[in-house]
Protein backbone atom coordinates (compact mmCIF):
# COMPACT_ATOMS: atom_id res chain seq x y z
CA MET A 1 0.00 0.00 0.00
CA PRO A 2 2.30 2.78 -1.16
CA ASN A 3 1.58 6.49 -0.94
CA THR A 4 0.14 6.66 2.58
CA PRO A 5 -0.96 10.29 2.87
CA GLU A 6 1.30 12.57 4.92
CA LYS A 7 -1.78 13.72 6.83
CA ILE A 8 -4.92 11.64 7.28
CA ASN A 9 -8.15 13.42 6.36
CA LEU A 10 -10.40 12.11 9.14
CA LYS A 11 -13.56 13.14 7.29
CA LYS A 12 -12.50 11.01 4.30
CA TYR A 13 -11.56 8.12 6.63
CA MET A 14 -15.06 7.92 8.13
CA GLY A 15 -17.41 5.11 7.21
CA THR A 16 -17.61 1.37 7.75
CA TRP A 17 -14.48 -0.77 7.53
CA LYS A 18 -14.46 -4.58 7.36
CA GLN A 19 -11.71 -6.51 9.07
CA VAL A 20 -9.71 -8.53 6.55
CA SER A 21 -7.32 -9.95 9.17
CA VAL A 22 -5.91 -9.40 12.64
CA LYS A 23 -2.71 -10.83 14.14
CA PRO A 24 -2.61 -12.05 16.79
CA VAL A 25 -6.32 -12.45 17.49
CA PRO A 26 -7.20 -10.31 20.53
CA TRP A 27 -9.09 -11.88 23.44
CA PHE A 28 -12.06 -9.61 22.76
CA GLN A 29 -12.41 -10.95 19.21
CA LYS A 30 -12.18 -14.68 19.96
CA GLY A 31 -14.81 -16.48 17.91
CA CYS A 32 -15.86 -13.35 16.01
CA LYS A 33 -16.75 -13.47 12.35
CA ASN A 34 -17.73 -10.64 10.03
CA VAL A 35 -15.99 -7.98 12.14
CA LYS A 36 -16.64 -4.35 11.18
CA ALA A 37 -15.99 -0.92 12.60
CA ASN A 38 -18.03 2.17 11.84
CA TYR A 39 -16.45 5.59 12.34
CA LYS A 40 -18.42 8.84 12.49
CA LEU A 41 -16.79 12.25 12.94
CA ARG A 42 -18.29 14.35 15.72
CA ASN A 43 -18.60 18.14 15.82
CA ASP A 44 -15.91 18.30 18.54
CA GLY A 45 -13.36 16.57 16.28
CA LYS A 46 -13.54 13.23 18.09
CA VAL A 47 -14.78 10.08 16.38
CA ASP A 48 -17.69 7.89 17.45
CA VAL A 49 -16.68 4.25 17.05
CA LEU A 50 -19.03 1.29 16.73
CA ASN A 51 -17.33 -2.11 16.62
CA ILE A 52 -19.51 -4.96 15.38
CA CYS A 53 -18.79 -8.66 15.82
CA ASP A 54 -21.57 -10.93 14.60
CA ASP A 55 -24.52 -9.81 16.74
CA ARG A 56 -22.46 -7.96 19.38
CA GLU A 57 -21.75 -4.23 19.33
CA LYS A 58 -19.40 -2.08 21.38
CA HIS A 59 -19.51 1.73 21.33
CA GLY A 60 -16.43 3.85 21.90
CA VAL A 61 -14.75 7.12 21.04
CA ALA A 62 -11.45 7.99 19.37
CA ARG A 63 -9.35 11.13 19.44
CA SER A 64 -6.36 12.18 17.40
CA VAL A 65 -3.12 12.57 19.34
CA SER A 66 -0.92 13.66 16.42
CA ASP A 67 -0.89 16.62 14.06
CA ASN A 68 -1.10 14.33 11.03
CA ASN A 69 -3.98 12.20 12.43
CA LYS A 70 -1.99 8.99 11.95
CA GLU A 71 -1.97 8.35 15.69
CA LEU A 72 -5.21 8.16 17.59
CA GLU A 73 -6.37 6.81 20.90
CA VAL A 74 -9.57 4.83 21.25
CA SER A 75 -11.61 4.14 24.37
CA PHE A 76 -14.38 1.64 24.98
CA PHE A 77 -14.22 2.06 28.77
CA PRO A 78 -14.06 5.35 30.72
CA PHE A 79 -10.51 6.62 31.28
CA ILE A 80 -8.86 3.69 29.46
CA TRP A 81 -7.29 4.62 26.12
CA GLY A 82 -5.56 2.33 23.63
CA GLU A 83 -3.42 3.20 20.64
CA TYR A 84 -4.78 3.22 17.10
CA LYS A 85 -2.00 3.96 14.62
CA ILE A 86 -2.76 4.20 10.92
CA VAL A 87 0.47 2.76 9.53
CA LYS A 88 -0.66 2.19 5.95
CA LEU A 89 -3.46 3.77 3.95
CA ASP A 90 -3.92 3.93 0.20
CA LYS A 91 -4.63 7.31 -1.35
CA GLU A 92 -8.23 6.30 -2.12
CA TYR A 93 -8.86 5.49 1.57
CA GLN A 94 -10.02 1.97 0.75
CA ASN A 95 -7.38 -0.22 2.45
CA ALA A 96 -5.69 0.38 5.79
CA THR A 97 -3.30 -1.28 8.21
CA ILE A 98 -3.76 -0.37 11.85
CA LYS A 99 -1.42 -1.05 14.80
CA GLY A 100 -2.71 -1.13 18.33
CA GLY A 101 -0.34 -2.49 20.95
CA LYS A 102 0.80 -5.93 19.82
CA TYR A 103 -2.08 -6.25 17.32
CA THR A 104 -2.15 -5.46 13.61
CA TRP A 105 -5.44 -5.12 11.73
CA LYS A 106 -5.90 -5.05 7.96
CA LEU A 107 -9.11 -3.28 6.98
CA LYS A 108 -11.05 -2.72 3.77
CA LYS A 109 -13.60 0.08 3.46
CA CYS A 110 -17.14 -1.03 2.77
CA LYS A 111 -18.76 0.35 -0.36
CA THR A 112 -22.25 -0.64 0.78
CA LYS A 113 -23.96 -0.89 4.17
CA THR A 114 -24.15 -4.68 3.86
CA CYS A 115 -20.49 -5.44 3.16
């Protein structure tokens, strides 16, 4: 995925992303299939996050912690923040690689609501 933008346009990044792979599989995704994440930009610049695993959903919030928006923090529990680093992103914002702690996610942007 060459040509990762120098600065991530969060508005362009928003939408639903389908998990292509994750390594290693985190404890909170054990047994999950059809994993998706929906991102929606809020008026305050933070991002509403909805993670979907089969019939389970978990709401959270993300905030940028870098000037280029490549490094974010995400929280699904009050006062507990985890890293969300966009390490690869194609210029069309359709494929991404995300690092969070010891985990690496490969994501593909959904073109329809039923991806």
